[in-house]
């Protein structure tokens, strides 16, 4: 499996081509374990209310492109508010 920086570069360059397992790895790193994993979605807690939300779902082994973009926005917001990369 790729390293976190490689996955994030891939997410930015081709949001439609990211595997769900890779997105889970990134989300677990930045947001901790998912607070909901049952059903088709994984929901992560963020330190703010509202958007960008971190709610992802497996689509036949791939992550959905719009959810990748939401995760990237959440990571950017977290880095801006906390001043450091995790």
PDB file of N, CA and C in Angstrom:
ATOM      1  N   UNK A   1       0.846  -1.186   0.000  1.00  0.00           N
ATOM      2  CA  UNK A   1       0.000   0.000   0.000  1.00  0.00           C
ATOM      3  C   UNK A   1       0.886   1.243   0.000  1.00  0.00           C
ATOM      4  N   UNK A   2       0.438   2.289  -0.601  1.00  0.00           N
ATOM      5  CA  UNK A   2       1.186   3.537  -0.732  1.00  0.00           C
ATOM      6  C   UNK A   2       1.317   4.267   0.596  1.00  0.00           C
ATOM      7  N   UNK A   3       2.285   5.186   0.650  1.00  0.00           N
ATOM      8  CA  UNK A   3       2.448   6.005   1.845  1.00  0.00           C
ATOM      9  C   UNK A   3       1.404   7.114   1.847  1.00  0.00           C
ATOM     10  N   UNK A   4       1.181   7.712   3.003  1.00  0.00           N
ATOM     11  CA  UNK A   4       0.186   8.775   3.123  1.00  0.00           C
ATOM     12  C   UNK A   4       0.429   9.932   2.156  1.00  0.00           C
ATOM     13  N   UNK A   5       1.649  10.477   2.078  1.00  0.00           N
ATOM     14  CA  UNK A   5       1.857  11.580   1.128  1.00  0.00           C
ATOM     15  C   UNK A   5       1.550  11.180  -0.323  1.00  0.00           C
ATOM     16  N   UNK A   6       1.892   9.947  -0.690  1.00  0.00           N
ATOM     17  CA  UNK A   6       1.600   9.475  -2.052  1.00  0.00           C
ATOM     18  C   UNK A   6       0.094   9.397  -2.293  1.00  0.00           C
ATOM     19  N   UNK A   7      -0.628   8.919  -1.297  1.00  0.00           N
ATOM     20  CA  UNK A   7      -2.086   8.804  -1.432  1.00  0.00           C
ATOM     21  C   UNK A   7      -2.712  10.189  -1.571  1.00  0.00           C
ATOM     22  N   UNK A   8      -2.260  11.152  -0.778  1.00  0.00           N
ATOM     23  CA  UNK A   8      -2.833  12.499  -0.827  1.00  0.00           C
ATOM     24  C   UNK A   8      -2.552  13.153  -2.179  1.00  0.00           C
ATOM     25  N   UNK A   9      -1.354  12.959  -2.714  1.00  0.00           N
ATOM     26  CA  UNK A   9      -1.043  13.481  -4.057  1.00  0.00           C
ATOM     27  C   UNK A   9      -1.971  12.843  -5.080  1.00  0.00           C
ATOM     28  N   UNK A  10      -2.173  11.553  -4.962  1.00  0.00           N
ATOM     29  CA  UNK A  10      -3.078  10.842  -5.868  1.00  0.00           C
ATOM     30  C   UNK A  10      -4.512  11.347  -5.735  1.00  0.00           C
ATOM     31  N   UNK A  11      -4.934  11.641  -4.502  1.00  0.00           N
ATOM     32  CA  UNK A  11      -6.283  12.162  -4.268  1.00  0.00           C
ATOM     33  C   UNK A  11      -6.463  13.510  -4.958  1.00  0.00           C
ATOM     34  N   UNK A  12      -5.438  14.349  -4.910  1.00  0.00           N
ATOM     35  CA  UNK A  12      -5.526  15.674  -5.540  1.00  0.00           C
ATOM     36  C   UNK A  12      -5.502  15.577  -7.055  1.00  0.00           C
ATOM     37  N   UNK A  13      -4.672  14.681  -7.575  1.00  0.00           N
ATOM     38  CA  UNK A  13      -4.504  14.573  -9.025  1.00  0.00           C
ATOM     39  C   UNK A  13      -5.633  13.822  -9.718  1.00  0.00           C
ATOM     40  N   UNK A  14      -6.181  12.817  -9.059  1.00  0.00           N
ATOM     41  CA  UNK A  14      -7.209  11.988  -9.682  1.00  0.00           C
ATOM     42  C   UNK A  14      -8.196  11.498  -8.626  1.00  0.00           C
ATOM     43  N   UNK A  15      -9.126  12.358  -8.205  1.00  0.00           N
ATOM     44  CA  UNK A  15     -10.064  11.969  -7.147  1.00  0.00           C
ATOM     45  C   UNK A  15     -10.897  10.731  -7.474  1.00  0.00           C
ATOM     46  N   UNK A  16     -11.126  10.469  -8.740  1.00  0.00           N
ATOM     47  CA  UNK A  16     -11.961   9.328  -9.113  1.00  0.00           C
ATOM     48  C   UNK A  16     -11.193   8.007  -9.076  1.00  0.00           C
ATOM     49  N   UNK A  17      -9.874   8.054  -8.946  1.00  0.00           N
ATOM     50  CA  UNK A  17      -9.089   6.827  -9.018  1.00  0.00           C
ATOM     51  C   UNK A  17      -8.520   6.358  -7.699  1.00  0.00           C
ATOM     52  N   UNK A  18      -9.112   6.748  -6.592  1.00  0.00           N
ATOM     53  CA  UNK A  18      -8.576   6.392  -5.275  1.00  0.00           C
ATOM     54  C   UNK A  18      -9.329   5.196  -4.719  1.00  0.00           C
ATOM     55  N   UNK A  19      -8.569   4.238  -4.198  1.00  0.00           N
ATOM     56  CA  UNK A  19      -9.204   3.074  -3.590  1.00  0.00           C
ATOM     57  C   UNK A  19      -9.769   3.442  -2.224  1.00  0.00           C
ATOM     58  N   UNK A  20     -10.856   2.794  -1.867  1.00  0.00           N
ATOM     59  CA  UNK A  20     -11.525   3.066  -0.596  1.00  0.00           C
ATOM     60  C   UNK A  20     -10.595   2.784   0.583  1.00  0.00           C
ATOM     61  N   UNK A  21      -9.821   1.713   0.511  1.00  0.00           N
ATOM     62  CA  UNK A  21      -8.903   1.363   1.610  1.00  0.00           C
ATOM     63  C   UNK A  21      -7.864   2.458   1.818  1.00  0.00           C
ATOM     64  N   UNK A  22      -7.407   3.078   0.734  1.00  0.00           N
ATOM     65  CA  UNK A  22      -6.438   4.163   0.855  1.00  0.00           C
ATOM     66  C   UNK A  22      -7.071   5.391   1.500  1.00  0.00           C
ATOM     67  N   UNK A  23      -8.305   5.699   1.117  1.00  0.00           N
ATOM     68  CA  UNK A  23      -9.005   6.823   1.726  1.00  0.00           C
ATOM     69  C   UNK A  23      -9.224   6.576   3.214  1.00  0.00           C
ATOM     70  N   UNK A  24      -9.558   5.359   3.587  1.00  0.00           N
ATOM     71  CA  UNK A  24      -9.728   5.017   5.007  1.00  0.00           C
ATOM     72  C   UNK A  24      -8.432   5.245   5.768  1.00  0.00           C
ATOM     73  N   UNK A  25      -7.309   4.878   5.167  1.00  0.00           N
ATOM     74  CA  UNK A  25      -6.000   5.064   5.799  1.00  0.00           C
ATOM     75  C   UNK A  25      -5.740   6.542   6.070  1.00  0.00           C
ATOM     76  N   UNK A  26      -6.043   7.401   5.101  1.00  0.00           N
ATOM     77  CA  UNK A  26      -5.851   8.838   5.258  1.00  0.00           C
ATOM     78  C   UNK A  26      -6.787   9.382   6.344  1.00  0.00           C
ATOM     79  N   UNK A  27      -8.051   9.010   6.281  1.00  0.00           N
ATOM     80  CA  UNK A  27      -9.033   9.501   7.260  1.00  0.00           C
ATOM     81  C   UNK A  27      -8.695   9.040   8.672  1.00  0.00           C
ATOM     82  N   UNK A  28      -8.293   7.793   8.824  1.00  0.00           N
ATOM     83  CA  UNK A  28      -7.912   7.290  10.147  1.00  0.00           C
ATOM     84  C   UNK A  28      -6.726   8.079  10.701  1.00  0.00           C
ATOM     85  N   UNK A  29      -5.789   8.435   9.836  1.00  0.00           N
ATOM     86  CA  UNK A  29      -4.617   9.191  10.272  1.00  0.00           C
ATOM     87  C   UNK A  29      -5.003  10.595  10.735  1.00  0.00           C
ATOM     88  N   UNK A  30      -5.797  11.294   9.948  1.00  0.00           N
ATOM     89  CA  UNK A  30      -6.130  12.688  10.252  1.00  0.00           C
ATOM     90  C   UNK A  30      -7.243  12.845  11.282  1.00  0.00           C
ATOM     91  N   UNK A  31      -8.226  11.958  11.278  1.00  0.00           N
ATOM     92  CA  UNK A  31      -9.424  12.157  12.095  1.00  0.00           C
ATOM     93  C   UNK A  31      -9.627  11.099  13.169  1.00  0.00           C
ATOM     94  N   UNK A  32      -8.734  10.125  13.252  1.00  0.00           N
ATOM     95  CA  UNK A  32      -8.880   9.054  14.225  1.00  0.00           C
ATOM     96  C   UNK A  32      -9.818   7.978  13.712  1.00  0.00           C
ATOM     97  N   UNK A  33     -10.099   6.982  14.525  1.00  0.00           N
ATOM     98  CA  UNK A  33     -10.982   5.904  14.073  1.00  0.00           C
ATOM     99  C   UNK A  33     -12.381   6.430  13.759  1.00  0.00           C
ATOM    100  N   UNK A  34     -13.007   5.797  12.798  1.00  0.00           N
ATOM    101  CA  UNK A  34     -14.363   6.196  12.416  1.00  0.00           C
ATOM    102  C   UNK A  34     -15.304   5.979  13.587  1.00  0.00           C
ATOM    103  N   UNK A  35     -16.224   6.928  13.780  1.00  0.00           N
ATOM    104  CA  UNK A  35     -17.178   6.770  14.883  1.00  0.00           C
ATOM    105  C   UNK A  35     -18.342   5.894  14.468  1.00  0.00           C
ATOM    106  N   UNK A  36     -18.512   5.706  13.162  1.00  0.00           N
ATOM    107  CA  UNK A  36     -19.519   4.785  12.651  1.00  0.00           C
ATOM    108  C   UNK A  36     -18.904   3.994  11.514  1.00  0.00           C
ATOM    109  N   UNK A  37     -18.978   2.674  11.607  1.00  0.00           N
ATOM    110  CA  UNK A  37     -18.441   1.830  10.547  1.00  0.00           C
ATOM    111  C   UNK A  37     -19.460   0.814  10.057  1.00  0.00           C
ATOM    112  N   UNK A  38     -20.590   0.749  10.712  1.00  0.00           N
ATOM    113  CA  UNK A  38     -21.605  -0.207  10.278  1.00  0.00           C
ATOM    114  C   UNK A  38     -22.339   0.351   9.064  1.00  0.00           C
ATOM    115  N   UNK A  39     -22.911  -0.527   8.310  1.00  0.00           N
ATOM    116  CA  UNK A  39     -23.613  -0.075   7.111  1.00  0.00           C
ATOM    117  C   UNK A  39     -22.634   0.233   6.000  1.00  0.00           C
ATOM    118  N   UNK A  40     -23.050   1.047   5.067  1.00  0.00           N
ATOM    119  CA  UNK A  40     -22.213   1.319   3.903  1.00  0.00           C
ATOM    120  C   UNK A  40     -21.295   2.516   4.083  1.00  0.00           C
ATOM    121  N   UNK A  41     -21.467   3.268   5.158  1.00  0.00           N
ATOM    122  CA  UNK A  41     -20.682   4.486   5.353  1.00  0.00           C
ATOM    123  C   UNK A  41     -19.715   4.370   6.531  1.00  0.00           C
ATOM    124  N   UNK A  42     -18.650   5.158   6.447  1.00  0.00           N
ATOM    125  CA  UNK A  42     -17.736   5.384   7.581  1.00  0.00           C
ATOM    126  C   UNK A  42     -17.790   6.868   7.865  1.00  0.00           C
ATOM    127  N   UNK A  43     -18.122   7.211   9.095  1.00  0.00           N
ATOM    128  CA  UNK A  43     -18.279   8.614   9.481  1.00  0.00           C
ATOM    129  C   UNK A  43     -17.184   8.955  10.483  1.00  0.00           C
ATOM    130  N   UNK A  44     -16.486  10.059  10.209  1.00  0.00           N
ATOM    131  CA  UNK A  44     -15.390  10.501  11.069  1.00  0.00           C
ATOM    132  C   UNK A  44     -15.776  11.786  11.779  1.00  0.00           C
ATOM    133  N   UNK A  45     -15.293  11.926  13.007  1.00  0.00           N
ATOM    134  CA  UNK A  45     -15.552  13.122  13.799  1.00  0.00           C
ATOM    135  C   UNK A  45     -14.534  14.194  13.431  1.00  0.00           C
ATOM    136  N   UNK A  46     -15.016  15.413  13.270  1.00  0.00           N
ATOM    137  CA  UNK A  46     -14.150  16.558  13.010  1.00  0.00           C
ATOM    138  C   UNK A  46     -14.289  17.537  14.174  1.00  0.00           C
ATOM    139  N   UNK A  47     -13.284  18.401  14.378  1.00  0.00           N
ATOM    140  CA  UNK A  47     -13.358  19.345  15.495  1.00  0.00           C
ATOM    141  C   UNK A  47     -14.282  20.532  15.242  1.00  0.00           C
ATOM    142  N   UNK A  48     -15.046  20.525  14.165  1.00  0.00           N
ATOM    143  CA  UNK A  48     -15.971  21.605  13.853  1.00  0.00           C
ATOM    144  C   UNK A  48     -17.332  21.014  13.512  1.00  0.00           C
ATOM    145  N   UNK A  49     -18.318  21.870  13.487  1.00  0.00           N
ATOM    146  CA  UNK A  49     -19.670  21.460  13.129  1.00  0.00           C
ATOM    147  C   UNK A  49     -19.905  21.837  11.676  1.00  0.00           C
ATOM    148  N   UNK A  50     -20.519  20.963  10.924  1.00  0.00           N
ATOM    149  CA  UNK A  50     -20.877  21.271   9.545  1.00  0.00           C
ATOM    150  C   UNK A  50     -19.803  20.896   8.543  1.00  0.00           C
ATOM    151  N   UNK A  51     -19.843  21.585   7.410  1.00  0.00           N
ATOM    152  CA  UNK A  51     -18.955  21.256   6.298  1.00  0.00           C
ATOM    153  C   UNK A  51     -17.544  21.742   6.540  1.00  0.00           C
ATOM    154  N   UNK A  52     -16.542  21.119   5.994  1.00  0.00           N
ATOM    155  CA  UNK A  52     -16.660  19.875   5.229  1.00  0.00           C
ATOM    156  C   UNK A  52     -16.811  18.675   6.158  1.00  0.00           C
ATOM    157  N   UNK A  53     -17.751  17.853   5.801  1.00  0.00           N
ATOM    158  CA  UNK A  53     -18.003  16.632   6.572  1.00  0.00           C
ATOM    159  C   UNK A  53     -17.064  15.538   6.080  1.00  0.00           C
ATOM    160  N   UNK A  54     -16.832  14.570   6.932  1.00  0.00           N
ATOM    161  CA  UNK A  54     -16.018  13.422   6.540  1.00  0.00           C
ATOM    162  C   UNK A  54     -16.891  12.185   6.706  1.00  0.00           C
ATOM    163  N   UNK A  55     -17.567  11.853   5.621  1.00  0.00           N
ATOM    164  CA  UNK A  55     -18.504  10.746   5.563  1.00  0.00           C
ATOM    165  C   UNK A  55     -18.208  10.040   4.242  1.00  0.00           C
ATOM    166  N   UNK A  56     -17.612   8.858   4.320  1.00  0.00           N
ATOM    167  CA  UNK A  56     -17.172   8.190   3.097  1.00  0.00           C
ATOM    168  C   UNK A  56     -17.873   6.849   2.944  1.00  0.00           C
ATOM    169  N   UNK A  57     -17.910   6.363   1.707  1.00  0.00           N
ATOM    170  CA  UNK A  57     -18.525   5.071   1.469  1.00  0.00           C
ATOM    171  C   UNK A  57     -17.786   4.319   0.380  1.00  0.00           C
ATOM    172  N   UNK A  58     -17.840   3.019   0.478  1.00  0.00           N
ATOM    173  CA  UNK A  58     -17.180   2.130  -0.465  1.00  0.00           C
ATOM    174  C   UNK A  58     -18.081   1.952  -1.687  1.00  0.00           C
ATOM    175  N   UNK A  59     -17.528   2.227  -2.850  1.00  0.00           N
ATOM    176  CA  UNK A  59     -18.255   2.060  -4.108  1.00  0.00           C
ATOM    177  C   UNK A  59     -17.503   1.040  -4.958  1.00  0.00           C
ATOM    178  N   UNK A  60     -17.730  -0.236  -4.665  1.00  0.00           N
ATOM    179  CA  UNK A  60     -17.079  -1.338  -5.379  1.00  0.00           C
ATOM    180  C   UNK A  60     -15.563  -1.238  -5.305  1.00  0.00           C
ATOM    181  N   UNK A  61     -15.056  -0.936  -4.110  1.00  0.00           N
ATOM    182  CA  UNK A  61     -13.617  -0.876  -3.894  1.00  0.00           C
ATOM    183  C   UNK A  61     -12.998   0.494  -4.130  1.00  0.00           C
ATOM    184  N   UNK A  62     -13.771   1.411  -4.655  1.00  0.00           N
ATOM    185  CA  UNK A  62     -13.286   2.763  -4.935  1.00  0.00           C
ATOM    186  C   UNK A  62     -13.994   3.756  -4.028  1.00  0.00           C
ATOM    187  N   UNK A  63     -13.342   4.892  -3.836  1.00  0.00           N
ATOM    188  CA  UNK A  63     -13.957   5.985  -3.088  1.00  0.00           C
ATOM    189  C   UNK A  63     -14.656   6.903  -4.087  1.00  0.00           C
ATOM    190  N   UNK A  64     -15.700   7.555  -3.656  1.00  0.00           N
ATOM    191  CA  UNK A  64     -16.428   8.477  -4.529  1.00  0.00           C
ATOM    192  C   UNK A  64     -15.662   9.794  -4.630  1.00  0.00           C
ATOM    193  N   UNK A  65     -15.585  10.335  -5.840  1.00  0.00           N
ATOM    194  CA  UNK A  65     -14.769  11.525  -6.117  1.00  0.00           C
ATOM    195  C   UNK A  65     -15.203  12.725  -5.271  1.00  0.00           C
ATOM    196  N   UNK A  66     -16.514  12.945  -5.117  1.00  0.00           N
ATOM    197  CA  UNK A  66     -16.958  14.108  -4.353  1.00  0.00           C
ATOM    198  C   UNK A  66     -16.589  13.963  -2.871  1.00  0.00           C
ATOM    199  N   UNK A  67     -16.539  12.733  -2.377  1.00  0.00           N
ATOM    200  CA  UNK A  67     -16.142  12.512  -0.993  1.00  0.00           C
ATOM    201  C   UNK A  67     -14.638  12.724  -0.816  1.00  0.00           C
ATOM    202  N   UNK A  68     -13.855  12.384  -1.825  1.00  0.00           N
ATOM    203  CA  UNK A  68     -12.417  12.660  -1.795  1.00  0.00           C
ATOM    204  C   UNK A  68     -12.193  14.159  -1.664  1.00  0.00           C
ATOM    205  N   UNK A  69     -12.933  14.938  -2.444  1.00  0.00           N
ATOM    206  CA  UNK A  69     -12.792  16.396  -2.398  1.00  0.00           C
ATOM    207  C   UNK A  69     -13.185  16.937  -1.031  1.00  0.00           C
ATOM    208  N   UNK A  70     -14.219  16.383  -0.418  1.00  0.00           N
ATOM    209  CA  UNK A  70     -14.619  16.803   0.925  1.00  0.00           C
ATOM    210  C   UNK A  70     -13.526  16.481   1.941  1.00  0.00           C
ATOM    211  N   UNK A  71     -12.914  15.328   1.827  1.00  0.00           N
ATOM    212  CA  UNK A  71     -11.840  14.940   2.748  1.00  0.00           C
ATOM    213  C   UNK A  71     -10.648  15.877   2.577  1.00  0.00           C
ATOM    214  N   UNK A  72     -10.298  16.206   1.344  1.00  0.00           N
ATOM    215  CA  UNK A  72      -9.180  17.126   1.103  1.00  0.00           C
ATOM    216  C   UNK A  72      -9.461  18.499   1.714  1.00  0.00           C
ATOM    217  N   UNK A  73     -10.705  18.970   1.597  1.00  0.00           N
ATOM    218  CA  UNK A  73     -11.069  20.257   2.205  1.00  0.00           C
ATOM    219  C   UNK A  73     -10.984  20.182   3.725  1.00  0.00           C
ATOM    220  N   UNK A  74     -11.410  19.063   4.288  1.00  0.00           N
ATOM    221  CA  UNK A  74     -11.352  18.892   5.741  1.00  0.00           C
ATOM    222  C   UNK A  74      -9.901  18.847   6.225  1.00  0.00           C
ATOM    223  N   UNK A  75      -9.039  18.175   5.497  1.00  0.00           N
ATOM    224  CA  UNK A  75      -7.623  18.123   5.864  1.00  0.00           C
ATOM    225  C   UNK A  75      -7.017  19.519   5.791  1.00  0.00           C
ATOM    226  N   UNK A  76      -7.338  20.247   4.732  1.00  0.00           N
ATOM    227  CA  UNK A  76      -6.828  21.611   4.576  1.00  0.00           C
ATOM    228  C   UNK A  76      -7.304  22.502   5.724  1.00  0.00           C
ATOM    229  N   UNK A  77      -8.568  22.401   6.060  1.00  0.00           N
ATOM    230  CA  UNK A  77      -9.105  23.207   7.156  1.00  0.00           C
ATOM    231  C   UNK A  77      -8.418  22.845   8.470  1.00  0.00           C
ATOM    232  N   UNK A  78      -8.240  21.557   8.720  1.00  0.00           N
ATOM    233  CA  UNK A  78      -7.604  21.119   9.949  1.00  0.00           C
ATOM    234  C   UNK A  78      -6.174  21.655  10.028  1.00  0.00           C
ATOM    235  N   UNK A  79      -5.432  21.579   8.931  1.00  0.00           N
ATOM    236  CA  UNK A  79      -4.056  22.083   8.912  1.00  0.00           C
ATOM    237  C   UNK A  79      -4.018  23.587   9.109  1.00  0.00           C
ATOM    238  N   UNK A  80      -4.967  24.317   8.520  1.00  0.00           N
ATOM    239  CA  UNK A  80      -5.015  25.769   8.678  1.00  0.00           C
ATOM    240  C   UNK A  80      -5.371  26.186  10.109  1.00  0.00           C
ATOM    241  N   UNK A  81      -6.301  25.480  10.715  1.00  0.00           N
ATOM    242  CA  UNK A  81      -6.740  25.827  12.067  1.00  0.00           C
ATOM    243  C   UNK A  81      -5.738  25.409  13.131  1.00  0.00           C
ATOM    244  N   UNK A  82      -5.046  24.298  12.895  1.00  0.00           N
ATOM    245  CA  UNK A  82      -4.126  23.792  13.901  1.00  0.00           C
ATOM    246  C   UNK A  82      -2.680  24.114  13.572  1.00  0.00           C
ATOM    247  N   UNK A  83      -2.430  24.631  12.382  1.00  0.00           N
ATOM    248  CA  UNK A  83      -1.111  25.105  12.017  1.00  0.00           C
ATOM    249  C   UNK A  83      -0.057  24.063  11.721  1.00  0.00           C
ATOM    250  N   UNK A  84      -0.403  22.801  11.798  1.00  0.00           N
ATOM    251  CA  UNK A  84       0.578  21.760  11.519  1.00  0.00           C
ATOM    252  C   UNK A  84      -0.069  20.609  10.788  1.00  0.00           C
ATOM    253  N   UNK A  85       0.762  19.844  10.095  1.00  0.00           N
ATOM    254  CA  UNK A  85       0.276  18.603   9.515  1.00  0.00           C
ATOM    255  C   UNK A  85       0.352  17.535  10.569  1.00  0.00           C
ATOM    256  N   UNK A  86      -0.555  16.629  10.526  1.00  0.00           N
ATOM    257  CA  UNK A  86      -0.552  15.545  11.499  1.00  0.00           C
ATOM    258  C   UNK A  86       0.366  14.449  11.021  1.00  0.00           C
TER     259      UNK A  86
END
